[in-house]
Amino acid sequence: MKPLDLTIWLEWAIVAVAAVVFYASTGISWWLFGLLILAPDLSMFGYLAGPRVGALAYNALHILIVPVLLLLAGHLSGKATATAVALIWIAHIAIDRALGYGLKLSTGFQDTHLGRIGR
């Protein structure tokens, strides 16, 4: 593994661990975690409509903007469930990035902002 690859892996692995640790502090059931951890991947069904729609759908659920805003809203409003859902979502994204799955390009599922999957 190249130094930059290791750095990127370490960065996202730490984000994933932090999200899981903070999730544990919400007091919300681990059943919710298990139920929702793969939910963002349902966006891959967008690829049934072609690579452009698939990339748009996938990227919409694999960027940090919405889950971070949800995390802030949940924390500021004291809504533990919103906070927990945001942390699950962030953990999912971080695990994907640590595994080398980036945001998709419209040219195909294998083409990501981190490079081609399966290099």
PDB file of N, CA and C in Angstrom:
ATOM      1  N   MET A   1       0.843  -1.177   0.000  1.00  0.00           N
ATOM      2  CA  MET A   1       0.000   0.000   0.000  1.00  0.00           C
ATOM      3  C   MET A   1       0.890   1.242   0.000  1.00  0.00           C
ATOM      4  N   LYS A   2       0.606   2.164  -0.904  1.00  0.00           N
ATOM      5  CA  LYS A   2       1.373   3.396  -0.992  1.00  0.00           C
ATOM      6  C   LYS A   2       1.058   4.300   0.203  1.00  0.00           C
ATOM      7  N   PRO A   3       2.002   5.184   0.579  1.00  0.00           N
ATOM      8  CA  PRO A   3       1.771   6.062   1.741  1.00  0.00           C
ATOM      9  C   PRO A   3       0.476   6.877   1.646  1.00  0.00           C
ATOM     10  N   LEU A   4       0.174   7.415   0.466  1.00  0.00           N
ATOM     11  CA  LEU A   4      -1.056   8.196   0.326  1.00  0.00           C
ATOM     12  C   LEU A   4      -2.280   7.311   0.502  1.00  0.00           C
ATOM     13  N   ASP A   5      -2.248   6.101  -0.059  1.00  0.00           N
ATOM     14  CA  ASP A   5      -3.358   5.167   0.107  1.00  0.00           C
ATOM     15  C   ASP A   5      -3.547   4.823   1.583  1.00  0.00           C
ATOM     16  N   LEU A   6      -2.457   4.623   2.290  1.00  0.00           N
ATOM     17  CA  LEU A   6      -2.522   4.312   3.712  1.00  0.00           C
ATOM     18  C   LEU A   6      -3.100   5.486   4.491  1.00  0.00           C
ATOM     19  N   THR A   7      -2.713   6.679   4.133  1.00  0.00           N
ATOM     20  CA  THR A   7      -3.213   7.877   4.804  1.00  0.00           C
ATOM     21  C   THR A   7      -4.716   8.019   4.591  1.00  0.00           C
ATOM     22  N   ILE A   8      -5.152   7.826   3.362  1.00  0.00           N
ATOM     23  CA  ILE A   8      -6.582   7.924   3.061  1.00  0.00           C
ATOM     24  C   ILE A   8      -7.344   6.830   3.805  1.00  0.00           C
ATOM     25  N   TRP A   9      -6.822   5.610   3.787  1.00  0.00           N
ATOM     26  CA  TRP A   9      -7.464   4.514   4.502  1.00  0.00           C
ATOM     27  C   TRP A   9      -7.568   4.831   5.993  1.00  0.00           C
ATOM     28  N   LEU A  10      -6.472   5.295   6.584  1.00  0.00           N
ATOM     29  CA  LEU A  10      -6.449   5.591   8.011  1.00  0.00           C
ATOM     30  C   LEU A  10      -7.427   6.699   8.369  1.00  0.00           C
ATOM     31  N   GLU A  11      -7.463   7.730   7.543  1.00  0.00           N
ATOM     32  CA  GLU A  11      -8.379   8.842   7.787  1.00  0.00           C
ATOM     33  C   GLU A  11      -9.826   8.358   7.853  1.00  0.00           C
ATOM     34  N   TRP A  12     -10.251   7.601   6.845  1.00  0.00           N
ATOM     35  CA  TRP A  12     -11.631   7.156   6.801  1.00  0.00           C
ATOM     36  C   TRP A  12     -11.921   6.069   7.824  1.00  0.00           C
ATOM     37  N   ALA A  13     -10.945   5.230   8.133  1.00  0.00           N
ATOM     38  CA  ALA A  13     -11.137   4.212   9.169  1.00  0.00           C
ATOM     39  C   ALA A  13     -11.381   4.882  10.524  1.00  0.00           C
ATOM     40  N   ILE A  14     -10.656   5.945  10.803  1.00  0.00           N
ATOM     41  CA  ILE A  14     -10.845   6.671  12.063  1.00  0.00           C
ATOM     42  C   ILE A  14     -12.220   7.341  12.099  1.00  0.00           C
ATOM     43  N   VAL A  15     -12.654   7.906  10.986  1.00  0.00           N
ATOM     44  CA  VAL A  15     -13.996   8.500  10.927  1.00  0.00           C
ATOM     45  C   VAL A  15     -15.053   7.425  11.191  1.00  0.00           C
ATOM     46  N   ALA A  16     -14.890   6.249  10.594  1.00  0.00           N
ATOM     47  CA  ALA A  16     -15.850   5.161  10.801  1.00  0.00           C
ATOM     48  C   ALA A  16     -15.890   4.739  12.271  1.00  0.00           C
ATOM     49  N   VAL A  17     -14.726   4.569  12.869  1.00  0.00           N
ATOM     50  CA  VAL A  17     -14.667   4.170  14.284  1.00  0.00           C
ATOM     51  C   VAL A  17     -15.293   5.251  15.162  1.00  0.00           C
ATOM     52  N   ALA A  18     -14.984   6.507  14.885  1.00  0.00           N
ATOM     53  CA  ALA A  18     -15.552   7.607  15.668  1.00  0.00           C
ATOM     54  C   ALA A  18     -17.079   7.619  15.562  1.00  0.00           C
ATOM     55  N   ALA A  19     -17.599   7.411  14.358  1.00  0.00           N
ATOM     56  CA  ALA A  19     -19.055   7.401  14.175  1.00  0.00           C
ATOM     57  C   ALA A  19     -19.687   6.279  14.989  1.00  0.00           C
ATOM     58  N   VAL A  20     -19.063   5.117  14.997  1.00  0.00           N
ATOM     59  CA  VAL A  20     -19.598   3.978  15.757  1.00  0.00           C
ATOM     60  C   VAL A  20     -19.512   4.249  17.260  1.00  0.00           C
ATOM     61  N   VAL A  21     -18.407   4.809  17.718  1.00  0.00           N
ATOM     62  CA  VAL A  21     -18.254   5.132  19.148  1.00  0.00           C
ATOM     63  C   VAL A  21     -19.301   6.165  19.577  1.00  0.00           C
ATOM     64  N   PHE A  22     -19.481   7.211  18.770  1.00  0.00           N
ATOM     65  CA  PHE A  22     -20.487   8.210  19.099  1.00  0.00           C
ATOM     66  C   PHE A  22     -21.897   7.624  19.022  1.00  0.00           C
ATOM     67  N   TYR A  23     -22.125   6.700  18.086  1.00  0.00           N
ATOM     68  CA  TYR A  23     -23.422   6.029  18.010  1.00  0.00           C
ATOM     69  C   TYR A  23     -23.710   5.326  19.335  1.00  0.00           C
ATOM     70  N   ALA A  24     -22.726   4.644  19.858  1.00  0.00           N
ATOM     71  CA  ALA A  24     -22.903   3.919  21.120  1.00  0.00           C
ATOM     72  C   ALA A  24     -23.357   4.863  22.234  1.00  0.00           C
ATOM     73  N   SER A  25     -22.934   6.118  22.177  1.00  0.00           N
ATOM     74  CA  SER A  25     -23.293   7.075  23.224  1.00  0.00           C
ATOM     75  C   SER A  25     -24.718   7.619  23.072  1.00  0.00           C
ATOM     76  N   THR A  26     -25.387   7.330  21.946  1.00  0.00           N
ATOM     77  CA  THR A  26     -26.746   7.839  21.756  1.00  0.00           C
ATOM     78  C   THR A  26     -27.779   7.058  22.555  1.00  0.00           C
ATOM     79  N   GLY A  27     -27.444   5.829  22.913  1.00  0.00           N
ATOM     80  CA  GLY A  27     -28.399   5.002  23.637  1.00  0.00           C
ATOM     81  C   GLY A  27     -29.446   4.360  22.749  1.00  0.00           C
ATOM     82  N   ILE A  28     -29.321   4.542  21.439  1.00  0.00           N
ATOM     83  CA  ILE A  28     -30.264   3.953  20.491  1.00  0.00           C
ATOM     84  C   ILE A  28     -29.853   2.500  20.233  1.00  0.00           C
ATOM     85  N   SER A  29     -30.832   1.647  20.015  1.00  0.00           N
ATOM     86  CA  SER A  29     -30.606   0.219  19.833  1.00  0.00           C
ATOM     87  C   SER A  29     -29.649  -0.078  18.679  1.00  0.00           C
ATOM     88  N   TRP A  30     -28.827  -1.098  18.870  1.00  0.00           N
ATOM     89  CA  TRP A  30     -27.928  -1.556  17.806  1.00  0.00           C
ATOM     90  C   TRP A  30     -28.702  -2.211  16.670  1.00  0.00           C
ATOM     91  N   TRP A  31     -29.961  -2.565  16.914  1.00  0.00           N
ATOM     92  CA  TRP A  31     -30.785  -3.096  15.827  1.00  0.00           C
ATOM     93  C   TRP A  31     -30.954  -2.053  14.726  1.00  0.00           C
ATOM     94  N   LEU A  32     -31.110  -0.786  15.122  1.00  0.00           N
ATOM     95  CA  LEU A  32     -31.236   0.279  14.131  1.00  0.00           C
ATOM     96  C   LEU A  32     -29.956   0.388  13.311  1.00  0.00           C
ATOM     97  N   PHE A  33     -28.829   0.279  13.979  1.00  0.00           N
ATOM     98  CA  PHE A  33     -27.542   0.322  13.280  1.00  0.00           C
ATOM     99  C   PHE A  33     -27.472  -0.801  12.242  1.00  0.00           C
ATOM    100  N   GLY A  34     -27.788  -2.005  12.676  1.00  0.00           N
ATOM    101  CA  GLY A  34     -27.752  -3.155  11.769  1.00  0.00           C
ATOM    102  C   GLY A  34     -28.730  -3.021  10.612  1.00  0.00           C
ATOM    103  N   LEU A  35     -29.880  -2.442  10.890  1.00  0.00           N
ATOM    104  CA  LEU A  35     -30.908  -2.275   9.861  1.00  0.00           C
ATOM    105  C   LEU A  35     -30.501  -1.237   8.811  1.00  0.00           C
ATOM    106  N   LEU A  36     -29.850  -0.156   9.244  1.00  0.00           N
ATOM    107  CA  LEU A  36     -29.591   0.968   8.340  1.00  0.00           C
ATOM    108  C   LEU A  36     -28.184   1.064   7.773  1.00  0.00           C
ATOM    109  N   ILE A  37     -27.232   0.290   8.270  1.00  0.00           N
ATOM    110  CA  ILE A  37     -25.843   0.475   7.841  1.00  0.00           C
ATOM    111  C   ILE A  37     -25.668   0.301   6.327  1.00  0.00           C
ATOM    112  N   LEU A  38     -26.434  -0.534   5.693  1.00  0.00           N
ATOM    113  CA  LEU A  38     -26.310  -0.727   4.244  1.00  0.00           C
ATOM    114  C   LEU A  38     -27.380   0.020   3.444  1.00  0.00           C
ATOM    115  N   ALA A  39     -28.255   0.753   4.119  1.00  0.00           N
ATOM    116  CA  ALA A  39     -29.352   1.452   3.431  1.00  0.00           C
ATOM    117  C   ALA A  39     -28.884   2.381   2.311  1.00  0.00           C
ATOM    118  N   PRO A  40     -27.794   3.142   2.468  1.00  0.00           N
ATOM    119  CA  PRO A  40     -27.372   4.012   1.363  1.00  0.00           C
ATOM    120  C   PRO A  40     -27.061   3.251   0.069  1.00  0.00           C
ATOM    121  N   ASP A  41     -26.727   1.978   0.190  1.00  0.00           N
ATOM    122  CA  ASP A  41     -26.406   1.200  -1.014  1.00  0.00           C
ATOM    123  C   ASP A  41     -27.636   0.859  -1.850  1.00  0.00           C
ATOM    124  N   LEU A  42     -28.823   1.088  -1.315  1.00  0.00           N
ATOM    125  CA  LEU A  42     -30.029   0.909  -2.120  1.00  0.00           C
ATOM    126  C   LEU A  42     -30.034   1.874  -3.305  1.00  0.00           C
ATOM    127  N   SER A  43     -29.255   2.939  -3.191  1.00  0.00           N
ATOM    128  CA  SER A  43     -29.149   3.906  -4.287  1.00  0.00           C
ATOM    129  C   SER A  43     -28.553   3.276  -5.545  1.00  0.00           C
ATOM    130  N   MET A  44     -27.900   2.144  -5.415  1.00  0.00           N
ATOM    131  CA  MET A  44     -27.329   1.472  -6.592  1.00  0.00           C
ATOM    132  C   MET A  44     -28.400   1.009  -7.573  1.00  0.00           C
ATOM    133  N   PHE A  45     -29.645   0.917  -7.097  1.00  0.00           N
ATOM    134  CA  PHE A  45     -30.727   0.567  -8.016  1.00  0.00           C
ATOM    135  C   PHE A  45     -30.890   1.627  -9.104  1.00  0.00           C
ATOM    136  N   GLY A  46     -30.365   2.830  -8.860  1.00  0.00           N
ATOM    137  CA  GLY A  46     -30.392   3.870  -9.880  1.00  0.00           C
ATOM    138  C   GLY A  46     -29.661   3.467 -11.141  1.00  0.00           C
ATOM    139  N   TYR A  47     -28.716   2.548 -11.015  1.00  0.00           N
ATOM    140  CA  TYR A  47     -27.970   2.082 -12.187  1.00  0.00           C
ATOM    141  C   TYR A  47     -28.854   1.299 -13.156  1.00  0.00           C
ATOM    142  N   LEU A  48     -30.020   0.873 -12.710  1.00  0.00           N
ATOM    143  CA  LEU A  48     -30.958   0.210 -13.610  1.00  0.00           C
ATOM    144  C   LEU A  48     -31.450   1.182 -14.691  1.00  0.00           C
ATOM    145  N   ALA A  49     -31.362   2.490 -14.383  1.00  0.00           N
ATOM    146  CA  ALA A  49     -31.766   3.518 -15.354  1.00  0.00           C
ATOM    147  C   ALA A  49     -30.574   4.049 -16.145  1.00  0.00           C
ATOM    148  N   GLY A  50     -29.406   3.457 -15.939  1.00  0.00           N
ATOM    149  CA  GLY A  50     -28.217   3.872 -16.675  1.00  0.00           C
ATOM    150  C   GLY A  50     -27.156   4.464 -15.767  1.00  0.00           C
ATOM    151  N   PRO A  51     -25.926   4.590 -16.292  1.00  0.00           N
ATOM    152  CA  PRO A  51     -24.817   5.038 -15.466  1.00  0.00           C
ATOM    153  C   PRO A  51     -24.937   6.484 -14.973  1.00  0.00           C
ATOM    154  N   ARG A  52     -25.538   7.349 -15.755  1.00  0.00           N
ATOM    155  CA  ARG A  52     -25.666   8.748 -15.328  1.00  0.00           C
ATOM    156  C   ARG A  52     -26.629   8.873 -14.145  1.00  0.00           C
ATOM    157  N   VAL A  53     -27.797   8.256 -14.262  1.00  0.00           N
ATOM    158  CA  VAL A  53     -28.785   8.278 -13.176  1.00  0.00           C
ATOM    159  C   VAL A  53     -28.246   7.511 -11.975  1.00  0.00           C
ATOM    160  N   GLY A  54     -27.583   6.398 -12.233  1.00  0.00           N
ATOM    161  CA  GLY A  54     -27.009   5.605 -11.149  1.00  0.00           C
ATOM    162  C   GLY A  54     -25.983   6.388 -10.351  1.00  0.00           C
ATOM    163  N   ALA A  55     -25.103   7.081 -11.045  1.00  0.00           N
ATOM    164  CA  ALA A  55     -24.083   7.878 -10.362  1.00  0.00           C
ATOM    165  C   ALA A  55     -24.731   8.991  -9.543  1.00  0.00           C
ATOM    166  N   LEU A  56     -25.732   9.635 -10.101  1.00  0.00           N
ATOM    167  CA  LEU A  56     -26.427  10.707  -9.398  1.00  0.00           C
ATOM    168  C   LEU A  56     -27.099  10.174  -8.128  1.00  0.00           C
ATOM    169  N   ALA A  57     -27.798   9.053  -8.249  1.00  0.00           N
ATOM    170  CA  ALA A  57     -28.478   8.463  -7.090  1.00  0.00           C
ATOM    171  C   ALA A  57     -27.468   8.000  -6.041  1.00  0.00           C
ATOM    172  N   TYR A  58     -26.432   7.318  -6.489  1.00  0.00           N
ATOM    173  CA  TYR A  58     -25.411   6.815  -5.564  1.00  0.00           C
ATOM    174  C   TYR A  58     -24.739   7.978  -4.830  1.00  0.00           C
ATOM    175  N   ASN A  59     -24.308   8.979  -5.580  1.00  0.00           N
ATOM    176  CA  ASN A  59     -23.603  10.108  -4.982  1.00  0.00           C
ATOM    177  C   ASN A  59     -24.485  10.896  -4.021  1.00  0.00           C
ATOM    178  N   ALA A  60     -25.780  10.979  -4.312  1.00  0.00           N
ATOM    179  CA  ALA A  60     -26.692  11.707  -3.432  1.00  0.00           C
ATOM    180  C   ALA A  60     -26.710  11.120  -2.019  1.00  0.00           C
ATOM    181  N   LEU A  61     -26.512   9.804  -1.923  1.00  0.00           N
ATOM    182  CA  LEU A  61     -26.525   9.162  -0.604  1.00  0.00           C
ATOM    183  C   LEU A  61     -25.134   8.825  -0.076  1.00  0.00           C
ATOM    184  N   HIS A  62     -24.101   9.240  -0.799  1.00  0.00           N
ATOM    185  CA  HIS A  62     -22.740   8.927  -0.374  1.00  0.00           C
ATOM    186  C   HIS A  62     -21.837  10.159  -0.244  1.00  0.00           C
ATOM    187  N   ILE A  63     -22.465  11.321  -0.077  1.00  0.00           N
ATOM    188  CA  ILE A  63     -21.701  12.529   0.249  1.00  0.00           C
ATOM    189  C   ILE A  63     -22.031  12.889   1.693  1.00  0.00           C
ATOM    190  N   LEU A  64     -21.128  13.578   2.347  1.00  0.00           N
ATOM    191  CA  LEU A  64     -21.287  13.852   3.777  1.00  0.00           C
ATOM    192  C   LEU A  64     -22.175  15.046   4.101  1.00  0.00           C
ATOM    193  N   ILE A  65     -22.573  15.828   3.116  1.00  0.00           N
ATOM    194  CA  ILE A  65     -23.306  17.064   3.391  1.00  0.00           C
ATOM    195  C   ILE A  65     -24.583  16.812   4.200  1.00  0.00           C
ATOM    196  N   VAL A  66     -25.456  15.963   3.712  1.00  0.00           N
ATOM    197  CA  VAL A  66     -26.739  15.748   4.384  1.00  0.00           C
ATOM    198  C   VAL A  66     -26.571  15.053   5.736  1.00  0.00           C
ATOM    199  N   PRO A  67     -25.781  13.973   5.842  1.00  0.00           N
ATOM    200  CA  PRO A  67     -25.672  13.358   7.165  1.00  0.00           C
ATOM    201  C   PRO A  67     -24.999  14.261   8.205  1.00  0.00           C
ATOM    202  N   VAL A  68     -24.071  15.108   7.792  1.00  0.00           N
ATOM    203  CA  VAL A  68     -23.449  16.020   8.759  1.00  0.00           C
ATOM    204  C   VAL A  68     -24.462  17.077   9.209  1.00  0.00           C
ATOM    205  N   LEU A  69     -25.272  17.586   8.278  1.00  0.00           N
ATOM    206  CA  LEU A  69     -26.327  18.536   8.658  1.00  0.00           C
ATOM    207  C   LEU A  69     -27.353  17.871   9.574  1.00  0.00           C
ATOM    208  N   LEU A  70     -27.704  16.614   9.281  1.00  0.00           N
ATOM    209  CA  LEU A  70     -28.620  15.865  10.138  1.00  0.00           C
ATOM    210  C   LEU A  70     -28.015  15.650  11.517  1.00  0.00           C
ATOM    211  N   LEU A  71     -26.723  15.358  11.567  1.00  0.00           N
ATOM    212  CA  LEU A  71     -26.023  15.191  12.843  1.00  0.00           C
ATOM    213  C   LEU A  71     -26.105  16.472  13.673  1.00  0.00           C
ATOM    214  N   LEU A  72     -25.831  17.603  13.041  1.00  0.00           N
ATOM    215  CA  LEU A  72     -25.907  18.889  13.744  1.00  0.00           C
ATOM    216  C   LEU A  72     -27.327  19.168  14.229  1.00  0.00           C
ATOM    217  N   ALA A  73     -28.300  18.952  13.356  1.00  0.00           N
ATOM    218  CA  ALA A  73     -29.693  19.193  13.735  1.00  0.00           C
ATOM    219  C   ALA A  73     -30.120  18.281  14.879  1.00  0.00           C
ATOM    220  N   GLY A  74     -29.757  17.005  14.788  1.00  0.00           N
ATOM    221  CA  GLY A  74     -30.098  16.063  15.848  1.00  0.00           C
ATOM    222  C   GLY A  74     -29.456  16.438  17.167  1.00  0.00           C
ATOM    223  N   HIS A  75     -28.207  16.820  17.112  1.00  0.00           N
ATOM    224  CA  HIS A  75     -27.487  17.197  18.340  1.00  0.00           C
ATOM    225  C   HIS A  75     -28.078  18.466  18.952  1.00  0.00           C
ATOM    226  N   LEU A  76     -28.275  19.481  18.119  1.00  0.00           N
ATOM    227  CA  LEU A  76     -28.772  20.767  18.629  1.00  0.00           C
ATOM    228  C   LEU A  76     -30.206  20.681  19.141  1.00  0.00           C
ATOM    229  N   SER A  77     -31.014  19.805  18.562  1.00  0.00           N
ATOM    230  CA  SER A  77     -32.409  19.666  18.992  1.00  0.00           C
ATOM    231  C   SER A  77     -32.588  18.606  20.078  1.00  0.00           C
ATOM    232  N   GLY A  78     -31.513  17.884  20.363  1.00  0.00           N
ATOM    233  CA  GLY A  78     -31.604  16.831  21.373  1.00  0.00           C
ATOM    234  C   GLY A  78     -32.338  15.589  20.899  1.00  0.00           C
ATOM    235  N   LYS A  79     -32.437  15.418  19.595  1.00  0.00           N
ATOM    236  CA  LYS A  79     -33.130  14.253  19.027  1.00  0.00           C
ATOM    237  C   LYS A  79     -32.122  13.127  18.801  1.00  0.00           C
ATOM    238  N   ALA A  80     -32.084  12.184  19.735  1.00  0.00           N
ATOM    239  CA  ALA A  80     -31.105  11.101  19.685  1.00  0.00           C
ATOM    240  C   ALA A  80     -31.271  10.229  18.443  1.00  0.00           C
ATOM    241  N   THR A  81     -32.493  10.032  17.981  1.00  0.00           N
ATOM    242  CA  THR A  81     -32.702   9.181  16.813  1.00  0.00           C
ATOM    243  C   THR A  81     -32.116   9.820  15.559  1.00  0.00           C
ATOM    244  N   ALA A  82     -32.311  11.125  15.392  1.00  0.00           N
ATOM    245  CA  ALA A  82     -31.727  11.826  14.237  1.00  0.00           C
ATOM    246  C   ALA A  82     -30.210  11.767  14.296  1.00  0.00           C
ATOM    247  N   THR A  83     -29.660  11.964  15.476  1.00  0.00           N
ATOM    248  CA  THR A  83     -28.208  11.876  15.657  1.00  0.00           C
ATOM    249  C   THR A  83     -27.716  10.476  15.309  1.00  0.00           C
ATOM    250  N   ALA A  84     -28.429   9.454  15.782  1.00  0.00           N
ATOM    251  CA  ALA A  84     -28.030   8.071  15.530  1.00  0.00           C
ATOM    252  C   ALA A  84     -28.077   7.742  14.043  1.00  0.00           C
ATOM    253  N   VAL A  85     -29.142   8.154  13.350  1.00  0.00           N
ATOM    254  CA  VAL A  85     -29.260   7.889  11.915  1.00  0.00           C
ATOM    255  C   VAL A  85     -28.118   8.567  11.163  1.00  0.00           C
ATOM    256  N   ALA A  86     -27.805   9.808  11.536  1.00  0.00           N
ATOM    257  CA  ALA A  86     -26.698  10.526  10.894  1.00  0.00           C
ATOM    258  C   ALA A  86     -25.377   9.798  11.117  1.00  0.00           C
ATOM    259  N   LEU A  87     -25.151   9.294  12.306  1.00  0.00           N
ATOM    260  CA  LEU A  87     -23.897   8.586  12.600  1.00  0.00           C
ATOM    261  C   LEU A  87     -23.802   7.266  11.845  1.00  0.00           C
ATOM    262  N   ILE A  88     -24.910   6.581  11.682  1.00  0.00           N
ATOM    263  CA  ILE A  88     -24.917   5.349  10.878  1.00  0.00           C
ATOM    264  C   ILE A  88     -24.552   5.691   9.441  1.00  0.00           C
ATOM    265  N   TRP A  89     -25.144   6.735   8.927  1.00  0.00           N
ATOM    266  CA  TRP A  89     -24.917   7.167   7.552  1.00  0.00           C
ATOM    267  C   TRP A  89     -23.453   7.570   7.353  1.00  0.00           C
ATOM    268  N   ILE A  90     -22.927   8.317   8.303  1.00  0.00           N
ATOM    269  CA  ILE A  90     -21.512   8.731   8.232  1.00  0.00           C
ATOM    270  C   ILE A  90     -20.599   7.509   8.308  1.00  0.00           C
ATOM    271  N   ALA A  91     -20.924   6.570   9.186  1.00  0.00           N
ATOM    272  CA  ALA A  91     -20.122   5.345   9.293  1.00  0.00           C
ATOM    273  C   ALA A  91     -20.123   4.594   7.963  1.00  0.00           C
ATOM    274  N   HIS A  92     -21.279   4.507   7.320  1.00  0.00           N
ATOM    275  CA  HIS A  92     -21.369   3.823   6.027  1.00  0.00           C
ATOM    276  C   HIS A  92     -20.451   4.490   5.003  1.00  0.00           C
ATOM    277  N   ILE A  93     -20.547   5.793   4.892  1.00  0.00           N
ATOM    278  CA  ILE A  93     -19.726   6.522   3.925  1.00  0.00           C
ATOM    279  C   ILE A  93     -18.243   6.329   4.232  1.00  0.00           C
ATOM    280  N   ALA A  94     -17.884   6.424   5.500  1.00  0.00           N
ATOM    281  CA  ALA A  94     -16.479   6.281   5.889  1.00  0.00           C
ATOM    282  C   ALA A  94     -15.952   4.878   5.587  1.00  0.00           C
ATOM    283  N   ILE A  95     -16.751   3.862   5.843  1.00  0.00           N
ATOM    284  CA  ILE A  95     -16.337   2.485   5.540  1.00  0.00           C
ATOM    285  C   ILE A  95     -16.143   2.326   4.039  1.00  0.00           C
ATOM    286  N   ASP A  96     -17.081   2.864   3.262  1.00  0.00           N
ATOM    287  CA  ASP A  96     -16.935   2.807   1.801  1.00  0.00           C
ATOM    288  C   ASP A  96     -15.629   3.457   1.351  1.00  0.00           C
ATOM    289  N   ARG A  97     -15.337   4.648   1.865  1.00  0.00           N
ATOM    290  CA  ARG A  97     -14.119   5.359   1.457  1.00  0.00           C
ATOM    291  C   ARG A  97     -12.872   4.581   1.884  1.00  0.00           C
ATOM    292  N   ALA A  98     -12.900   4.010   3.093  1.00  0.00           N
ATOM    293  CA  ALA A  98     -11.757   3.229   3.564  1.00  0.00           C
ATOM    294  C   ALA A  98     -11.522   2.010   2.675  1.00  0.00           C
ATOM    295  N   LEU A  99     -12.591   1.485   2.101  1.00  0.00           N
ATOM    296  CA  LEU A  99     -12.480   0.331   1.201  1.00  0.00           C
ATOM    297  C   LEU A  99     -12.168   0.733  -0.237  1.00  0.00           C
ATOM    298  N   GLY A 100     -12.077   2.040  -0.481  1.00  0.00           N
ATOM    299  CA  GLY A 100     -11.715   2.521  -1.811  1.00  0.00           C
ATOM    300  C   GLY A 100     -12.885   2.852  -2.716  1.00  0.00           C
ATOM    301  N   TYR A 101     -14.091   2.850  -2.160  1.00  0.00           N
ATOM    302  CA  TYR A 101     -15.269   3.198  -2.959  1.00  0.00           C
ATOM    303  C   TYR A 101     -15.513   4.695  -2.862  1.00  0.00           C
ATOM    304  N   GLY A 102     -15.299   5.371  -3.969  1.00  0.00           N
ATOM    305  CA  GLY A 102     -15.494   6.812  -3.991  1.00  0.00           C
ATOM    306  C   GLY A 102     -16.807   7.192  -4.625  1.00  0.00           C
ATOM    307  N   LEU A 103     -17.003   8.488  -4.767  1.00  0.00           N
ATOM    308  CA  LEU A 103     -18.173   8.990  -5.471  1.00  0.00           C
ATOM    309  C   LEU A 103     -18.079   8.563  -6.929  1.00  0.00           C
ATOM    310  N   LYS A 104     -19.206   8.243  -7.509  1.00  0.00           N
ATOM    311  CA  LYS A 104     -19.221   7.665  -8.854  1.00  0.00           C
ATOM    312  C   LYS A 104     -19.184   8.732  -9.945  1.00  0.00           C
ATOM    313  N   LEU A 105     -18.492   8.402 -11.015  1.00  0.00           N
ATOM    314  CA  LEU A 105     -18.509   9.225 -12.214  1.00  0.00           C
ATOM    315  C   LEU A 105     -19.597   8.688 -13.121  1.00  0.00           C
ATOM    316  N   SER A 106     -20.101   9.508 -14.018  1.00  0.00           N
ATOM    317  CA  SER A 106     -21.217   9.090 -14.874  1.00  0.00           C
ATOM    318  C   SER A 106     -20.807   8.087 -15.953  1.00  0.00           C
ATOM    319  N   THR A 107     -19.520   7.767 -16.020  1.00  0.00           N
ATOM    320  CA  THR A 107     -19.040   6.827 -17.041  1.00  0.00           C
ATOM    321  C   THR A 107     -19.265   5.367 -16.654  1.00  0.00           C
ATOM    322  N   GLY A 108     -19.506   5.098 -15.378  1.00  0.00           N
ATOM    323  CA  GLY A 108     -19.760   3.727 -14.951  1.00  0.00           C
ATOM    324  C   GLY A 108     -19.489   3.530 -13.475  1.00  0.00           C
ATOM    325  N   PHE A 109     -20.050   2.473 -12.910  1.00  0.00           N
ATOM    326  CA  PHE A 109     -19.945   2.215 -11.471  1.00  0.00           C
ATOM    327  C   PHE A 109     -18.502   2.106 -11.009  1.00  0.00           C
ATOM    328  N   GLN A 110     -17.629   1.522 -11.831  1.00  0.00           N
ATOM    329  CA  GLN A 110     -16.240   1.327 -11.428  1.00  0.00           C
ATOM    330  C   GLN A 110     -15.424   2.615 -11.404  1.00  0.00           C
ATOM    331  N   ASP A 111     -15.896   3.655 -12.063  1.00  0.00           N
ATOM    332  CA  ASP A 111     -15.158   4.907 -12.148  1.00  0.00           C
ATOM    333  C   ASP A 111     -15.560   5.835 -11.012  1.00  0.00           C
ATOM    334  N   THR A 112     -14.586   6.119 -10.117  1.00  0.00           N
ATOM    335  CA  THR A 112     -14.871   6.942  -8.950  1.00  0.00           C
ATOM    336  C   THR A 112     -13.877   8.089  -8.834  1.00  0.00           C
ATOM    337  N   HIS A 113     -14.194   9.008  -7.938  1.00  0.00           N
ATOM    338  CA  HIS A 113     -13.287  10.135  -7.722  1.00  0.00           C
ATOM    339  C   HIS A 113     -11.966   9.685  -7.066  1.00  0.00           C
ATOM    340  N   LEU A 114     -11.934   8.470  -6.564  1.00  0.00           N
ATOM    341  CA  LEU A 114     -10.700   7.919  -5.990  1.00  0.00           C
ATOM    342  C   LEU A 114      -9.922   7.076  -6.996  1.00  0.00           C
ATOM    343  N   GLY A 115     -10.461   6.936  -8.182  1.00  0.00           N
ATOM    344  CA  GLY A 115      -9.850   6.091  -9.205  1.00  0.00           C
ATOM    345  C   GLY A 115     -10.784   4.946  -9.544  1.00  0.00           C
ATOM    346  N   ARG A 116     -10.323   4.086 -10.385  1.00  0.00           N
ATOM    347  CA  ARG A 116     -11.134   2.946 -10.835  1.00  0.00           C
ATOM    348  C   ARG A 116     -11.127   1.854  -9.767  1.00  0.00           C
ATOM    349  N   ILE A 117     -12.313   1.331  -9.475  1.00  0.00           N
ATOM    350  CA  ILE A 117     -12.434   0.230  -8.521  1.00  0.00           C
ATOM    351  C   ILE A 117     -11.843  -1.013  -9.168  1.00  0.00           C
ATOM    352  N   GLY A 118     -11.081  -1.761  -8.392  1.00  0.00           N
ATOM    353  CA  GLY A 118     -10.498  -2.986  -8.907  1.00  0.00           C
ATOM    354  C   GLY A 118      -9.217  -2.762  -9.682  1.00  0.00           C
ATOM    355  N   ARG A 119      -8.485  -1.717  -9.296  1.00  0.00           N
ATOM    356  CA  ARG A 119      -7.230  -1.371  -9.959  1.00  0.00           C
ATOM    357  C   ARG A 119      -6.326  -2.564 -10.118  1.00  0.00           C
TER     358      ARG A 119
END
